[in-house]
């Protein structure tokens, strides 16, 4: 299933390389976890050129992710701010996103932010005190891709980014 969102214009001048364009987009923060970027999260899949149009392919972390509309808007806005008015954002669901696509830098940033990074439930450590004496409070936390946990050692609640 592919959904497409387009903004069209007659803009003729584009940055010289797709790598430069991808680098611009790679800096866009995830709206739900602003310490990581869409590149680090692994949802920025491709940047291509189709004639004069830039085509950006993204994959949501899960079907129905409410942040995708905002991410599409951020992509279009970033491109427009850099002189690229003819752009298309394609949302692709196959292959499905997995936490394996997250960079190690993203996982480290999650941990520093107070969100336990993805991994097996048995390996979850409290991001504050590093204890493994944690319990699940709710299978769904502040977003559907996170579970709400509590540390039995320091008694602090925290989100765990579930492995998908």
C-alpha atoms as a PDB file:
ATOM      1  CA  UNK A   1       0.000   0.000   0.000  1.00  0.00           C
ATOM      2  CA  UNK A   2       1.399   3.376  -0.965  1.00  0.00           C
ATOM      3  CA  UNK A   3      -0.002   6.776  -0.022  1.00  0.00           C
ATOM      4  CA  UNK A   4       1.256   9.806  -1.862  1.00  0.00           C
ATOM      5  CA  UNK A   5       1.305  13.452  -0.891  1.00  0.00           C
ATOM      6  CA  UNK A   6       2.457  16.019  -3.458  1.00  0.00           C
ATOM      7  CA  UNK A   7       3.355  19.655  -3.681  1.00  0.00           C
ATOM      8  CA  UNK A   8       4.055  20.912  -7.205  1.00  0.00           C
ATOM      9  CA  UNK A   9       5.599  24.054  -8.591  1.00  0.00           C
ATOM     10  CA  UNK A  10       7.685  25.157 -11.517  1.00  0.00           C
ATOM     11  CA  UNK A  11      10.890  25.472  -9.470  1.00  0.00           C
ATOM     12  CA  UNK A  12      13.776  24.574 -11.766  1.00  0.00           C
ATOM     13  CA  UNK A  13      16.850  24.877  -9.541  1.00  0.00           C
ATOM     14  CA  UNK A  14      17.580  22.008  -7.194  1.00  0.00           C
ATOM     15  CA  UNK A  15      20.549  21.225  -4.965  1.00  0.00           C
ATOM     16  CA  UNK A  16      23.211  19.478  -6.991  1.00  0.00           C
ATOM     17  CA  UNK A  17      23.008  16.011  -5.458  1.00  0.00           C
ATOM     18  CA  UNK A  18      20.559  13.626  -3.873  1.00  0.00           C
ATOM     19  CA  UNK A  19      23.098  13.127  -1.082  1.00  0.00           C
ATOM     20  CA  UNK A  20      22.845  16.835  -0.198  1.00  0.00           C
ATOM     21  CA  UNK A  21      19.070  16.625  -0.195  1.00  0.00           C
ATOM     22  CA  UNK A  22      19.108  13.509   1.977  1.00  0.00           C
ATOM     23  CA  UNK A  23      21.497  15.246   4.395  1.00  0.00           C
ATOM     24  CA  UNK A  24      18.979  18.101   4.746  1.00  0.00           C
ATOM     25  CA  UNK A  25      16.158  15.666   5.456  1.00  0.00           C
ATOM     26  CA  UNK A  26      18.295  13.550   7.784  1.00  0.00           C
ATOM     27  CA  UNK A  27      18.252  16.430  10.287  1.00  0.00           C
ATOM     28  CA  UNK A  28      14.453  16.433  10.691  1.00  0.00           C
ATOM     29  CA  UNK A  29      13.594  15.413  14.265  1.00  0.00           C
ATOM     30  CA  UNK A  30      10.986  12.785  15.021  1.00  0.00           C
ATOM     31  CA  UNK A  31       7.965  14.727  16.355  1.00  0.00           C
ATOM     32  CA  UNK A  32       7.280  12.204  19.128  1.00  0.00           C
ATOM     33  CA  UNK A  33      10.897  11.741  20.250  1.00  0.00           C
ATOM     34  CA  UNK A  34      12.677  14.958  19.224  1.00  0.00           C
ATOM     35  CA  UNK A  35      16.150  13.812  20.304  1.00  0.00           C
ATOM     36  CA  UNK A  36      16.350  11.456  17.317  1.00  0.00           C
ATOM     37  CA  UNK A  37      15.971  12.220  13.631  1.00  0.00           C
ATOM     38  CA  UNK A  38      13.893  10.475  11.007  1.00  0.00           C
ATOM     39  CA  UNK A  39      17.175   9.197   9.552  1.00  0.00           C
ATOM     40  CA  UNK A  40      18.353   7.736  12.880  1.00  0.00           C
ATOM     41  CA  UNK A  41      14.903   6.231  13.447  1.00  0.00           C
ATOM     42  CA  UNK A  42      15.223   4.501  10.081  1.00  0.00           C
ATOM     43  CA  UNK A  43      12.016   5.790   8.490  1.00  0.00           C
ATOM     44  CA  UNK A  44      13.754   7.921   5.831  1.00  0.00           C
ATOM     45  CA  UNK A  45      14.183   5.230   3.190  1.00  0.00           C
ATOM     46  CA  UNK A  46      15.108   6.860  -0.113  1.00  0.00           C
ATOM     47  CA  UNK A  47      15.570  10.153  -1.885  1.00  0.00           C
ATOM     48  CA  UNK A  48      15.267   9.952  -5.661  1.00  0.00           C
ATOM     49  CA  UNK A  49      14.832  12.255  -8.607  1.00  0.00           C
ATOM     50  CA  UNK A  50      12.037  11.651 -11.118  1.00  0.00           C
ATOM     51  CA  UNK A  51      12.687  14.157 -13.882  1.00  0.00           C
ATOM     52  CA  UNK A  52      12.715  17.474 -12.030  1.00  0.00           C
ATOM     53  CA  UNK A  53      10.763  16.171  -9.038  1.00  0.00           C
ATOM     54  CA  UNK A  54      12.350  14.999  -5.800  1.00  0.00           C
ATOM     55  CA  UNK A  55      10.707  11.825  -4.484  1.00  0.00           C
ATOM     56  CA  UNK A  56      11.210  11.013  -0.798  1.00  0.00           C
ATOM     57  CA  UNK A  57      10.215   7.554   0.423  1.00  0.00           C
ATOM     58  CA  UNK A  58       9.414   6.996   4.087  1.00  0.00           C
ATOM     59  CA  UNK A  59       8.108   4.027   6.081  1.00  0.00           C
ATOM     60  CA  UNK A  60       6.108   4.574   9.287  1.00  0.00           C
ATOM     61  CA  UNK A  61       7.088   2.847  12.506  1.00  0.00           C
ATOM     62  CA  UNK A  62       3.638   1.268  12.468  1.00  0.00           C
ATOM     63  CA  UNK A  63       0.487   1.488  10.371  1.00  0.00           C
ATOM     64  CA  UNK A  64      -1.576   4.444  11.522  1.00  0.00           C
ATOM     65  CA  UNK A  65       1.304   6.284  13.211  1.00  0.00           C
ATOM     66  CA  UNK A  66      -0.136   9.755  13.916  1.00  0.00           C
ATOM     67  CA  UNK A  67       3.255  11.443  13.448  1.00  0.00           C
ATOM     68  CA  UNK A  68       3.448  10.604   9.738  1.00  0.00           C
ATOM     69  CA  UNK A  69       1.341  13.561   8.605  1.00  0.00           C
ATOM     70  CA  UNK A  70       3.610  15.920  10.524  1.00  0.00           C
ATOM     71  CA  UNK A  71       6.744  14.209   9.183  1.00  0.00           C
ATOM     72  CA  UNK A  72       5.457  14.542   5.595  1.00  0.00           C
ATOM     73  CA  UNK A  73       4.857  18.233   6.235  1.00  0.00           C
ATOM     74  CA  UNK A  74       8.321  18.678   7.730  1.00  0.00           C
ATOM     75  CA  UNK A  75       9.877  17.020   4.678  1.00  0.00           C
ATOM     76  CA  UNK A  76       7.966  19.250   2.248  1.00  0.00           C
ATOM     77  CA  UNK A  77       8.735  22.355   4.351  1.00  0.00           C
ATOM     78  CA  UNK A  78      12.451  21.505   4.559  1.00  0.00           C
ATOM     79  CA  UNK A  79      12.660  20.963   0.817  1.00  0.00           C
ATOM     80  CA  UNK A  80      10.764  24.197   0.092  1.00  0.00           C
ATOM     81  CA  UNK A  81      13.002  26.164   2.477  1.00  0.00           C
ATOM     82  CA  UNK A  82      15.945  24.954   0.404  1.00  0.00           C
ATOM     83  CA  UNK A  83      14.464  25.904  -2.964  1.00  0.00           C
ATOM     84  CA  UNK A  84      12.867  22.565  -3.828  1.00  0.00           C
ATOM     85  CA  UNK A  85       9.204  23.135  -4.617  1.00  0.00           C
ATOM     86  CA  UNK A  86       8.531  20.118  -6.837  1.00  0.00           C
ATOM     87  CA  UNK A  87       8.489  17.225  -4.395  1.00  0.00           C
ATOM     88  CA  UNK A  88       6.567  14.091  -3.580  1.00  0.00           C
ATOM     89  CA  UNK A  89       6.568  12.125  -0.332  1.00  0.00           C
ATOM     90  CA  UNK A  90       5.690   8.450  -0.712  1.00  0.00           C
ATOM     91  CA  UNK A  91       4.719   6.439   2.343  1.00  0.00           C
ATOM     92  CA  UNK A  92       5.562   2.783   1.811  1.00  0.00           C
ATOM     93  CA  UNK A  93       4.397   0.035   4.175  1.00  0.00           C
ATOM     94  CA  UNK A  94       6.308  -2.878   2.687  1.00  0.00           C
ATOM     95  CA  UNK A  95       8.746  -3.924   3.862  1.00  0.00           C
ATOM     96  CA  UNK A  96       7.394  -3.033   7.282  1.00  0.00           C
ATOM     97  CA  UNK A  97       9.583  -0.896   9.552  1.00  0.00           C
ATOM     98  CA  UNK A  98      11.443  -2.706  12.302  1.00  0.00           C
ATOM     99  CA  UNK A  99      13.477  -1.462  15.248  1.00  0.00           C
ATOM    100  CA  UNK A 100      16.451  -3.124  13.533  1.00  0.00           C
ATOM    101  CA  UNK A 101      16.418  -0.087  11.200  1.00  0.00           C
ATOM    102  CA  UNK A 102      17.206   2.262  14.096  1.00  0.00           C
ATOM    103  CA  UNK A 103      20.816   3.387  14.248  1.00  0.00           C
ATOM    104  CA  UNK A 104      22.941   2.653  17.294  1.00  0.00           C
ATOM    105  CA  UNK A 105      23.199   6.430  17.744  1.00  0.00           C
ATOM    106  CA  UNK A 106      19.391   6.605  17.976  1.00  0.00           C
ATOM    107  CA  UNK A 107      19.312   3.871  20.609  1.00  0.00           C
ATOM    108  CA  UNK A 108      21.966   5.670  22.665  1.00  0.00           C
ATOM    109  CA  UNK A 109      20.057   8.960  22.356  1.00  0.00           C
ATOM    110  CA  UNK A 110      16.836   7.258  23.482  1.00  0.00           C
ATOM    111  CA  UNK A 111      18.594   5.897  26.547  1.00  0.00           C
ATOM    112  CA  UNK A 112      20.088   9.300  27.416  1.00  0.00           C
ATOM    113  CA  UNK A 113      16.614  10.857  26.944  1.00  0.00           C
ATOM    114  CA  UNK A 114      15.124   8.456  29.499  1.00  0.00           C
ATOM    115  CA  UNK A 115      13.516   5.983  27.091  1.00  0.00           C
ATOM    116  CA  UNK A 116      14.814   2.417  27.276  1.00  0.00           C
ATOM    117  CA  UNK A 117      15.903   1.447  23.748  1.00  0.00           C
ATOM    118  CA  UNK A 118      14.411  -1.539  21.916  1.00  0.00           C
ATOM    119  CA  UNK A 119      15.550  -4.999  22.837  1.00  0.00           C
ATOM    120  CA  UNK A 120      14.136  -8.089  24.476  1.00  0.00           C
ATOM    121  CA  UNK A 121      11.840  -7.504  27.452  1.00  0.00           C
ATOM    122  CA  UNK A 122      14.277  -9.431  29.658  1.00  0.00           C
ATOM    123  CA  UNK A 123      17.116  -7.040  28.742  1.00  0.00           C
ATOM    124  CA  UNK A 124      15.290  -3.778  29.581  1.00  0.00           C
ATOM    125  CA  UNK A 125      17.301  -1.587  31.955  1.00  0.00           C
ATOM    126  CA  UNK A 126      16.042   1.462  33.789  1.00  0.00           C
ATOM    127  CA  UNK A 127      17.533   4.420  31.892  1.00  0.00           C
ATOM    128  CA  UNK A 128      18.016   6.288  35.183  1.00  0.00           C
ATOM    129  CA  UNK A 129      19.661   3.800  37.569  1.00  0.00           C
ATOM    130  CA  UNK A 130      20.518   0.928  35.134  1.00  0.00           C
ATOM    131  CA  UNK A 131      18.647  -1.663  37.238  1.00  0.00           C
ATOM    132  CA  UNK A 132      17.089  -4.620  35.454  1.00  0.00           C
ATOM    133  CA  UNK A 133      14.457  -4.905  38.215  1.00  0.00           C
ATOM    134  CA  UNK A 134      11.691  -3.376  36.121  1.00  0.00           C
ATOM    135  CA  UNK A 135       8.045  -4.228  35.531  1.00  0.00           C
ATOM    136  CA  UNK A 136       5.542  -3.418  32.822  1.00  0.00           C
ATOM    137  CA  UNK A 137       2.771  -1.057  33.922  1.00  0.00           C
ATOM    138  CA  UNK A 138       1.083  -0.879  30.513  1.00  0.00           C
ATOM    139  CA  UNK A 139       1.827  -2.428  27.136  1.00  0.00           C
ATOM    140  CA  UNK A 140       1.231   1.008  25.636  1.00  0.00           C
ATOM    141  CA  UNK A 141       3.028   4.122  26.836  1.00  0.00           C
ATOM    142  CA  UNK A 142       2.968   7.680  25.575  1.00  0.00           C
ATOM    143  CA  UNK A 143       2.836   6.291  22.015  1.00  0.00           C
ATOM    144  CA  UNK A 144       1.777   2.896  20.658  1.00  0.00           C
ATOM    145  CA  UNK A 145       5.391   1.920  19.939  1.00  0.00           C
ATOM    146  CA  UNK A 146       6.375   2.328  23.594  1.00  0.00           C
ATOM    147  CA  UNK A 147       5.408   0.475  26.788  1.00  0.00           C
ATOM    148  CA  UNK A 148       5.160   2.129  30.187  1.00  0.00           C
ATOM    149  CA  UNK A 149       7.563   0.591  32.693  1.00  0.00           C
ATOM    150  CA  UNK A 150       8.497   1.269  36.304  1.00  0.00           C
ATOM    151  CA  UNK A 151      11.824   0.563  37.950  1.00  0.00           C
ATOM    152  CA  UNK A 152      11.493  -1.386  41.203  1.00  0.00           C
ATOM    153  CA  UNK A 153      14.900  -0.118  42.391  1.00  0.00           C
ATOM    154  CA  UNK A 154      14.504   3.666  41.979  1.00  0.00           C
ATOM    155  CA  UNK A 155      10.674   3.637  41.598  1.00  0.00           C
ATOM    156  CA  UNK A 156      10.840   5.893  38.520  1.00  0.00           C
ATOM    157  CA  UNK A 157       8.449   5.307  35.610  1.00  0.00           C
ATOM    158  CA  UNK A 158       9.887   5.277  32.097  1.00  0.00           C
ATOM    159  CA  UNK A 159       8.997   4.389  28.527  1.00  0.00           C
ATOM    160  CA  UNK A 160      10.499   1.379  26.776  1.00  0.00           C
ATOM    161  CA  UNK A 161      10.623   1.546  22.971  1.00  0.00           C
ATOM    162  CA  UNK A 162       9.247  -1.893  22.130  1.00  0.00           C
ATOM    163  CA  UNK A 163      11.205  -4.111  19.767  1.00  0.00           C
ATOM    164  CA  UNK A 164       9.221  -4.595  16.578  1.00  0.00           C
END
